[in-house]
Amino acid sequence: MIWWVRLFYATGWLVILPIVLMGSLFRAKHRSGLMQRLGVWPSELLRQIEALSFNPVWIHAVSVGEANAVAPLVKKLSNAGVGVFLTCSTQTGVEIAQGISSRHSGVVSAYCPLDAPWLVAGLLKRVCPRALLIAETELWPSLILETSVRQIPVILINGRLSERSFRGYSPFRWVFSSILNRFYRVMVQTSEDAQRMMALGANPDRVVVMGNLKLDVEPAARASLYRAWQQWLSAKEGPVITLASTHPGEERLLLDAVLPLFGQYPNLKVVLAPRHPERANDVAGLLEARSMSYLKRSSLSVTAPEAVPSSLILLDGVGELTTVYRLSTLAVMGGSWLDLKHGRGGQSPIEPIAAGCAVVFGADMRNFKAIVADIRLHQAGLQVTSSDALSDILRQLLEQPDLRVAMVERGQNWIQQNQGACDRVIKVLSDYGIGQ
């Protein structure tokens, strides 16, 4: 069956590639890295790839969240002398990947090529990986099939499959079954993910519940960046609330909940971080329409930071939320405050919990059901049923620091109890003689 899937997919790419190219040319975020995605690699990058240790491990992490999640795995492989070729599909993801590669020896980061068979095959020939690790659920047919037909182990790590995605994929089970069975291991976060993967056609003997790599992430920040944010937020003078990873329609609701707190806490600072930084100008327009004073993070200097007169900072870049969480009193997670029809299913609350921040999230966390259930069980975070009640909850948490401190302590204990996913991936790799 695989040969005709490859043939069908290759033919389809011949048809849609001109459309993809035209769309990329007219969208700035897609123009970035376009040449790499078309298989045209800068000479410096080619030299870096050639300098990698023999047969590196290729790790593909589509965007920011996935790249952050694989960071501890990259670190362990690098420390073991294993070369790593780390790819992402988005500009923001590549920025995070570049930061990771700059911190570790033997790690090269790049854009992943478009999923046309000949582009994937060309990169495989250059990199010659000894294994391909795909983070979460990036089931790109050519990436998987072209790798597996070359007898290179393909392993899904930190895999997850939401109920919504499962329903969307189910009518095409015959296709996904062929793809999933090219994986040597399907390593997923929860037993629910495992059941869905097997229902979609994955071989039960290859499905492993590994936990969540994000629980192994060690919160860290560049000292200079931490000091800069500390200065901007004047964190010692008043509370800091971070509205994190917000989506369209949520900023208005969350600002309505936070604004009444300024009367009681005049030194309150708010960091507003849209999930997609390219929306920063739209969010700025909303703030201006409400006559709210703010500064964009991009306008502030890290080398010569000064106290910010505005009570609100609009975070219009990537890679700094962990630092902000470490200085925040409370984090309110976006993606969870709209109704089920318009909502996004939540954003992962693991990172702020790991950073030692008290976390609040809304009712729509359907993409993280198992995690949220465990967080609630251990009282490591607080779920609020509606945005109308959020202001009172935030006020209560600010007025009663003992509640916050207890929540943070329970969160740290929960993180420690659930770590180990990274070591489970290393153990699977060692079965193939990698990292020994």
Protein backbone atom coordinates (compact mmCIF):
# COMPACT_ATOMS: atom_id res chain seq x y z
CA MET A 1 0.00 0.00 0.00
CA ILE A 2 2.90 2.38 0.78
CA TRP A 3 4.06 2.72 -2.82
CA TRP A 4 0.75 4.06 -4.08
CA VAL A 5 0.40 6.40 -1.09
CA ARG A 6 3.80 7.87 -1.98
CA LEU A 7 2.86 8.12 -5.66
CA PHE A 8 -0.48 9.77 -4.92
CA TYR A 9 1.11 12.21 -2.49
CA ALA A 10 3.94 13.12 -4.87
CA THR A 11 1.45 13.79 -7.66
CA GLY A 12 -0.60 15.96 -5.36
CA TRP A 13 2.45 18.04 -4.48
CA LEU A 14 3.17 18.68 -8.14
CA VAL A 15 -0.30 20.17 -8.40
CA ILE A 16 -0.37 22.25 -5.21
CA LEU A 17 3.25 23.43 -5.02
CA PRO A 18 2.67 26.51 -7.25
CA ILE A 19 -0.31 27.45 -5.06
CA VAL A 20 1.77 27.03 -1.90
CA LEU A 21 4.53 29.20 -3.35
CA MET A 22 2.14 31.97 -4.32
CA GLY A 23 0.54 31.93 -0.87
CA SER A 24 3.96 32.09 0.79
CA LEU A 25 5.07 35.06 -1.29
CA PHE A 26 2.09 37.11 -0.15
CA ARG A 27 2.33 36.24 3.56
CA ALA A 28 5.33 37.61 5.41
CA LYS A 29 5.48 34.88 8.06
CA HIS A 30 5.59 32.22 5.32
CA ARG A 31 8.27 34.01 3.28
CA SER A 32 10.73 33.59 6.13
CA GLY A 33 12.80 30.50 5.51
CA LEU A 34 11.05 29.78 2.21
CA MET A 35 14.29 28.96 0.39
CA GLN A 36 15.25 26.42 3.06
CA ARG A 37 11.79 24.89 2.87
CA LEU A 38 12.35 24.53 -0.88
CA GLY A 39 15.63 22.72 -0.32
CA VAL A 40 17.96 25.65 -1.02
CA TRP A 41 20.35 25.71 1.91
CA PRO A 42 22.77 28.52 2.81
CA SER A 43 26.42 27.50 2.50
CA GLU A 44 27.04 28.17 6.21
CA LEU A 45 24.19 25.86 7.19
CA LEU A 46 25.52 23.16 4.87
CA ARG A 47 28.93 23.44 6.55
CA GLN A 48 27.28 23.09 9.96
CA ILE A 49 25.40 19.98 8.82
CA GLU A 50 28.59 18.45 7.43
CA ALA A 51 30.35 19.16 10.73
CA LEU A 52 27.76 17.22 12.74
CA SER A 53 28.89 13.97 14.32
CA PHE A 54 28.37 10.90 12.15
CA ASN A 55 24.67 10.11 11.61
CA PRO A 56 22.97 12.67 13.89
CA VAL A 57 19.49 12.32 15.32
CA TRP A 58 16.96 14.43 13.44
CA ILE A 59 14.32 15.94 15.74
CA HIS A 60 11.36 17.72 14.16
CA ALA A 61 9.37 20.07 16.40
CA VAL A 62 6.84 22.07 14.42
CA SER A 63 6.72 25.33 16.41
CA VAL A 64 7.44 27.11 19.68
CA GLY A 65 5.76 24.75 22.15
CA GLU A 66 7.23 21.62 20.62
CA ALA A 67 10.71 23.16 20.34
CA ASN A 68 10.66 24.14 24.01
CA ALA A 69 9.45 20.66 24.93
CA VAL A 70 12.33 18.84 23.21
CA ALA A 71 14.98 21.17 24.70
CA PRO A 72 15.89 18.81 27.60
CA LEU A 73 16.15 15.89 25.18
CA VAL A 74 18.46 17.88 22.90
CA LYS A 75 20.59 18.76 25.92
CA LYS A 76 20.94 15.13 27.01
CA LEU A 77 21.83 13.95 23.51
CA SER A 78 24.37 16.73 23.11
CA ASN A 79 25.95 15.90 26.48
CA ALA A 80 26.20 12.26 25.33
CA GLY A 81 28.09 13.34 22.21
CA VAL A 82 25.17 12.65 19.85
CA GLY A 83 24.74 15.16 17.03
CA VAL A 84 21.26 16.68 16.69
CA PHE A 85 19.62 18.20 13.62
CA LEU A 86 16.66 20.21 14.96
CA THR A 87 14.00 21.46 12.54
CA CYS A 88 10.84 23.52 12.87
CA SER A 89 8.19 24.60 10.39
CA THR A 90 7.47 28.13 11.64
CA GLN A 91 9.58 31.25 11.98
CA THR A 92 8.92 31.52 15.70
CA GLY A 93 9.77 27.84 16.16
CA VAL A 94 13.07 28.25 14.32
CA GLU A 95 13.94 31.23 16.54
CA ILE A 96 13.51 29.01 19.60
CA ALA A 97 15.46 26.19 17.92
CA GLN A 98 18.33 28.57 17.14
CA GLY A 99 18.47 29.53 20.80
CA ILE A 100 18.63 25.85 21.76
CA SER A 101 21.36 25.05 19.21
CA SER A 102 23.45 28.02 20.37
CA ARG A 103 23.54 26.61 23.91
CA HIS A 104 24.72 23.11 23.02
CA SER A 105 27.56 21.68 20.98
CA GLY A 106 26.83 19.43 18.02
CA VAL A 107 23.33 20.84 17.46
CA VAL A 108 22.21 22.45 14.17
CA SER A 109 18.80 24.08 13.65
CA ALA A 110 16.97 24.77 10.40
CA TYR A 111 13.58 24.97 8.72
CA CYS A 112 11.98 21.67 7.84
CA PRO A 113 11.40 21.38 4.09
CA LEU A 114 7.94 21.32 2.61
CA ASP A 115 6.55 17.80 2.66
CA ALA A 116 7.16 17.14 -1.03
CA PRO A 117 8.88 13.73 -1.39
CA TRP A 118 11.86 14.99 -3.37
CA LEU A 119 12.56 17.79 -0.87
CA VAL A 120 12.47 15.42 2.09
CA ALA A 121 14.62 12.90 0.22
CA GLY A 122 17.18 15.59 -0.59
CA LEU A 123 17.55 16.57 3.05
CA LEU A 124 17.77 12.96 4.18
CA LYS A 125 20.66 12.49 1.76
CA ARG A 126 22.49 15.49 3.22
CA VAL A 127 21.87 14.80 6.90
CA CYS A 128 21.99 10.96 6.89
CA PRO A 129 20.22 10.70 10.27
CA ARG A 130 20.37 7.54 12.33
CA ALA A 131 16.84 8.21 13.62
CA LEU A 132 14.01 10.69 13.11
CA LEU A 133 12.08 11.86 16.17
CA ILE A 134 8.82 13.71 15.50
CA ALA A 135 7.35 15.72 18.36
CA GLU A 136 3.64 15.57 19.20
CA THR A 137 1.47 14.79 16.16
CA GLU A 138 3.17 16.01 13.00
CA LEU A 139 2.03 13.19 10.72
CA TRP A 140 3.56 14.48 7.49
CA PRO A 141 3.39 11.57 5.01
CA SER A 142 6.58 12.23 3.01
CA LEU A 143 8.70 12.99 6.08
CA ILE A 144 7.64 9.68 7.62
CA LEU A 145 7.49 7.46 4.54
CA GLU A 146 10.67 8.68 2.84
CA THR A 147 12.57 8.18 6.10
CA SER A 148 11.16 4.75 6.90
CA VAL A 149 11.74 3.28 3.41
CA ARG A 150 15.43 4.03 3.96
CA GLN A 151 15.32 1.81 7.07
CA ILE A 152 15.84 4.80 9.36
CA PRO A 153 13.85 4.43 12.62
CA VAL A 154 11.00 6.93 12.90
CA ILE A 155 9.78 7.56 16.46
CA LEU A 156 6.87 9.72 17.58
CA ILE A 157 7.70 11.42 20.88
CA ASN A 158 5.50 13.40 23.25
CA GLY A 159 2.61 12.39 21.02
CA ARG A 160 -0.88 13.59 21.68
CA LEU A 161 -4.16 13.33 19.81
CA SER A 162 -7.08 15.39 21.04
CA GLU A 163 -10.64 14.13 20.79
CA ARG A 164 -11.34 16.82 18.21
CA SER A 165 -8.37 15.82 16.02
CA PHE A 166 -9.25 12.15 16.38
CA ARG A 167 -12.75 12.80 15.06
CA GLY A 168 -11.29 14.71 12.12
CA TYR A 169 -8.77 11.98 11.29
CA SER A 170 -11.08 8.98 11.75
CA PRO A 171 -12.72 9.10 8.28
CA PHE A 172 -9.21 8.73 6.83
CA ARG A 173 -8.16 5.88 9.08
CA TRP A 174 -6.99 3.86 6.08
CA VAL A 175 -4.41 6.55 5.30
CA PHE A 176 -3.27 7.24 8.86
CA SER A 177 -3.00 3.54 9.61
CA SER A 178 -0.43 3.19 6.82
CA ILE A 179 1.52 6.17 8.16
CA LEU A 180 1.37 5.27 11.87
CA ASN A 181 2.63 1.77 11.20
CA ARG A 182 5.85 3.18 9.77
CA PHE A 183 6.78 4.35 13.28
CA TYR A 184 9.12 2.11 15.24
CA ARG A 185 7.59 3.53 18.42
CA VAL A 186 4.55 5.73 19.05
CA MET A 187 5.39 7.39 22.38
CA VAL A 188 2.40 9.35 23.68
CA GLN A 189 1.65 11.51 26.69
CA THR A 190 -1.40 9.77 28.18
CA SER A 191 -3.36 6.52 28.07
CA GLU A 192 -6.18 8.41 26.29
CA ASP A 193 -3.73 9.43 23.55
CA ALA A 194 -2.63 5.80 23.29
CA GLN A 195 -6.21 4.58 22.86
CA ARG A 196 -6.88 7.12 20.10
CA MET A 197 -3.66 6.30 18.28
CA MET A 198 -4.49 2.60 18.33
CA ALA A 199 -8.05 3.31 17.16
CA LEU A 200 -6.51 5.27 14.29
CA GLY A 201 -4.50 2.21 13.30
CA ALA A 202 -1.24 2.30 15.27
CA ASN A 203 0.20 -1.12 16.16
CA PRO A 204 -0.58 -1.66 19.89
CA ASP A 205 2.80 -3.35 20.37
CA ARG A 206 4.55 -0.13 19.38
CA VAL A 207 2.48 2.33 21.43
CA VAL A 208 4.09 3.51 24.68
CA VAL A 209 2.81 5.98 27.28
CA MET A 210 5.86 8.12 28.05
CA GLY A 211 4.43 11.11 29.92
CA ASN A 212 5.05 14.71 28.89
CA LEU A 213 8.45 16.13 27.94
CA LYS A 214 7.34 19.58 29.06
CA LEU A 215 7.42 18.34 32.65
CA ASP A 216 11.18 17.75 32.26
CA VAL A 217 11.90 21.28 31.06
CA GLU A 218 14.13 23.18 33.47
CA PRO A 219 12.94 26.80 33.68
CA ALA A 220 15.91 28.94 32.77
CA ALA A 221 16.52 32.46 31.62
CA ARG A 222 19.50 34.48 30.46
CA ALA A 223 20.70 36.51 33.41
CA SER A 224 20.65 39.74 31.39
CA LEU A 225 17.10 39.11 30.17
CA TYR A 226 15.90 38.25 33.67
CA ARG A 227 17.40 41.45 35.10
CA ALA A 228 15.82 43.48 32.29
CA TRP A 229 12.35 42.08 32.90
CA GLN A 230 12.81 42.57 36.63
CA GLN A 231 13.55 46.23 35.97
CA TRP A 232 10.69 46.69 33.49
CA LEU A 233 8.14 45.06 35.78
CA SER A 234 9.39 46.61 39.01
CA ALA A 235 8.49 43.19 40.38
CA LYS A 236 9.44 44.05 43.97
CA GLU A 237 7.03 46.97 44.10
CA GLY A 238 3.74 45.27 43.19
CA PRO A 239 2.08 42.15 41.77
CA VAL A 240 2.56 41.01 38.17
CA ILE A 241 -0.19 39.30 36.20
CA THR A 242 0.67 37.66 32.88
CA LEU A 243 -2.11 37.08 30.34
CA ALA A 244 -0.40 34.31 28.41
CA SER A 245 -0.92 32.87 24.94
CA THR A 246 -4.14 34.74 24.27
CA HIS A 247 -6.25 34.24 21.14
CA PRO A 248 -8.55 36.61 19.21
CA GLY A 249 -11.57 37.57 21.29
CA GLU A 250 -9.90 36.79 24.62
CA GLU A 251 -7.90 39.97 25.19
CA ARG A 252 -11.05 42.02 25.72
CA LEU A 253 -12.45 39.53 28.26
CA LEU A 254 -9.21 39.24 30.20
CA LEU A 255 -8.55 42.96 30.28
CA ASP A 256 -12.08 43.49 31.63
CA ALA A 257 -11.19 41.11 34.47
CA VAL A 258 -7.83 42.72 35.26
CA LEU A 259 -8.60 46.44 34.97
CA PRO A 260 -10.72 46.66 38.19
CA LEU A 261 -7.69 45.43 40.17
CA PHE A 262 -5.69 48.59 39.50
CA GLY A 263 -7.83 50.53 41.98
CA GLN A 264 -6.69 48.24 44.78
CA TYR A 265 -3.17 47.62 43.43
CA PRO A 266 -1.87 50.82 41.81
CA ASN A 267 1.57 49.25 41.25
CA LEU A 268 0.11 46.26 39.42
CA LYS A 269 1.92 45.32 36.20
CA VAL A 270 0.32 43.32 33.39
CA VAL A 271 2.12 41.43 30.62
CA LEU A 272 -0.11 40.65 27.66
CA ALA A 273 1.34 37.92 25.43
CA PRO A 274 -0.67 36.96 22.32
CA ARG A 275 -0.25 33.31 21.31
CA HIS A 276 0.90 34.46 17.86
CA PRO A 277 3.24 37.48 18.05
CA GLU A 278 2.21 38.61 14.56
CA ARG A 279 -1.12 39.63 16.15
CA ALA A 280 0.64 42.22 18.32
CA ASN A 281 -0.42 45.14 16.13
CA ASP A 282 -4.06 44.03 16.25
CA VAL A 283 -3.89 43.74 20.04
CA ALA A 284 -2.20 47.15 20.20
CA GLY A 285 -5.15 48.55 18.26
CA LEU A 286 -7.52 47.13 20.87
CA LEU A 287 -5.50 48.74 23.67
CA GLU A 288 -5.47 52.09 21.90
CA ALA A 289 -9.21 51.92 21.25
CA ARG A 290 -9.66 51.54 25.00
CA SER A 291 -7.23 54.42 25.69
CA MET A 292 -4.91 52.07 27.60
CA SER A 293 -1.28 53.01 28.06
CA TYR A 294 1.16 50.28 27.03
CA LEU A 295 4.64 49.62 25.70
CA LYS A 296 5.72 46.92 23.29
CA ARG A 297 8.50 44.64 24.50
CA SER A 298 10.34 45.24 21.20
CA SER A 299 10.70 48.92 22.12
CA LEU A 300 12.58 48.15 25.36
CA SER A 301 16.34 47.78 25.71
CA VAL A 302 17.82 44.70 27.39
CA THR A 303 21.29 46.24 27.62
CA ALA A 304 20.11 49.41 29.37
CA PRO A 305 16.77 48.53 30.99
CA GLU A 306 14.82 51.18 32.82
CA ALA A 307 11.64 51.13 34.88
CA VAL A 308 8.62 51.18 32.59
CA PRO A 309 6.13 53.98 33.29
CA SER A 310 3.29 52.05 31.68
CA SER A 311 1.42 49.41 33.69
CA LEU A 312 1.08 47.11 30.66
CA ILE A 313 3.75 45.52 28.47
CA LEU A 314 2.69 43.92 25.19
CA LEU A 315 4.98 40.94 24.54
CA ASP A 316 5.42 40.96 20.77
CA GLY A 317 8.15 38.33 20.43
CA VAL A 318 8.96 34.73 21.39
CA GLY A 319 11.28 32.98 23.80
CA GLU A 320 10.72 35.17 26.87
CA LEU A 321 7.57 33.82 28.52
CA THR A 322 9.51 31.53 30.84
CA THR A 323 11.40 34.54 32.16
CA VAL A 324 8.15 36.47 32.58
CA TYR A 325 6.53 33.54 34.42
CA ARG A 326 9.40 33.48 36.93
CA LEU A 327 8.65 37.10 37.81
CA SER A 328 4.86 36.82 37.72
CA THR A 329 2.54 36.63 40.70
CA LEU A 330 -0.21 35.04 38.61
CA ALA A 331 -0.48 33.64 35.09
CA VAL A 332 -3.81 33.49 33.27
CA MET A 333 -3.66 31.00 30.40
CA GLY A 334 -5.27 31.94 27.11
CA GLY A 335 -7.07 29.72 24.64
CA SER A 336 -9.55 28.69 27.31
CA TRP A 337 -11.94 31.61 27.81
CA LEU A 338 -14.29 31.48 24.82
CA ASP A 339 -17.21 29.08 24.41
CA LEU A 340 -16.65 25.63 22.94
CA LYS A 341 -17.76 26.73 19.48
CA HIS A 342 -15.21 29.54 19.26
CA GLY A 343 -12.60 28.35 21.74
CA ARG A 344 -9.16 26.89 21.13
CA GLY A 345 -9.16 24.12 23.69
CA GLY A 346 -6.66 25.80 25.98
CA GLN A 347 -2.91 26.29 26.21
CA SER A 348 -0.63 24.11 28.28
CA PRO A 349 -0.28 25.35 31.89
CA ILE A 350 2.83 23.24 32.52
CA GLU A 351 5.43 25.92 31.77
CA PRO A 352 4.19 28.53 34.27
CA ILE A 353 3.68 25.86 36.94
CA ALA A 354 7.24 24.65 36.41
CA ALA A 355 8.47 28.25 36.65
CA GLY A 356 6.90 28.60 40.10
CA CYS A 357 3.93 30.74 39.14
CA ALA A 358 0.34 30.41 40.37
CA VAL A 359 -1.80 29.51 37.35
CA VAL A 360 -5.43 30.16 36.43
CA PHE A 361 -7.14 28.83 33.30
CA GLY A 362 -10.64 28.86 31.84
CA ALA A 363 -13.28 26.24 31.20
CA ASP A 364 -12.26 25.20 27.67
CA MET A 365 -9.18 23.04 28.26
CA ARG A 366 -10.36 20.13 26.12
CA ASN A 367 -6.97 19.72 24.42
CA PHE A 368 -5.36 19.05 27.80
CA LYS A 369 -8.03 17.03 29.59
CA ALA A 370 -5.72 14.54 31.29
CA ILE A 371 -3.20 17.17 32.36
CA VAL A 372 -5.89 19.50 33.70
CA ALA A 373 -7.60 16.65 35.56
CA ASP A 374 -4.30 15.81 37.26
CA ILE A 375 -3.54 19.46 38.02
CA ARG A 376 -6.97 19.88 39.59
CA LEU A 377 -6.58 16.63 41.52
CA HIS A 378 -3.33 17.91 43.04
CA GLN A 379 -4.66 21.48 43.39
CA ALA A 380 -1.66 22.70 41.40
CA GLY A 381 -3.70 25.21 39.39
CA LEU A 382 -7.14 26.78 39.40
CA GLN A 383 -9.82 26.37 36.76
CA VAL A 384 -12.39 29.17 36.52
CA THR A 385 -15.68 28.34 34.84
CA SER A 386 -16.25 31.74 33.22
CA SER A 387 -14.45 35.00 32.51
CA ASP A 388 -17.15 36.81 34.53
CA ALA A 389 -15.80 35.21 37.72
CA LEU A 390 -12.14 35.78 36.87
CA SER A 391 -11.74 39.24 38.39
CA ASP A 392 -12.97 38.07 41.81
CA ILE A 393 -10.70 35.01 41.68
CA LEU A 394 -7.65 37.09 40.82
CA ARG A 395 -8.45 39.55 43.61
CA GLN A 396 -8.80 36.68 46.08
CA LEU A 397 -5.44 35.23 45.07
CA LEU A 398 -3.75 38.62 45.36
CA GLU A 399 -5.31 39.32 48.76
CA GLN A 400 -4.40 35.90 50.17
CA PRO A 401 -0.75 35.15 49.40
CA ASP A 402 -0.93 31.96 51.46
CA LEU A 403 -3.30 30.51 48.86
CA ARG A 404 -0.84 31.35 46.07
CA VAL A 405 2.17 30.00 47.90
CA ALA A 406 0.39 26.74 48.65
CA MET A 407 -0.69 26.40 45.01
CA VAL A 408 2.87 27.01 43.80
CA GLU A 409 4.29 24.43 46.24
CA ARG A 410 1.74 21.83 45.14
CA GLY A 411 2.57 22.65 41.53
CA GLN A 412 6.29 22.09 42.10
CA ASN A 413 5.58 18.75 43.79
CA TRP A 414 3.31 17.72 40.90
CA ILE A 415 6.03 18.57 38.36
CA GLN A 416 8.63 16.52 40.24
CA GLN A 417 6.33 13.52 40.59
CA ASN A 418 5.65 13.39 36.85
CA GLN A 419 9.12 13.90 35.41
CA GLY A 420 11.04 11.20 33.54
CA ALA A 421 9.66 11.37 29.98
CA CYS A 422 13.03 12.46 28.61
CA ASP A 423 14.77 9.43 30.12
CA ARG A 424 12.16 7.15 28.57
CA VAL A 425 12.96 8.51 25.12
CA ILE A 426 16.70 8.08 25.78
CA LYS A 427 16.03 4.46 26.77
CA VAL A 428 14.23 3.77 23.46
CA LEU A 429 17.07 5.41 21.53
CA SER A 430 19.60 3.25 23.36
CA ASP A 431 17.78 0.20 21.95
CA TYR A 432 19.07 1.39 18.58
CA GLY A 433 22.58 2.00 19.88
CA ILE A 434 22.13 5.77 20.12
CA GLY A 435 23.68 7.63 23.06
CA GLN A 436 25.33 4.60 24.57
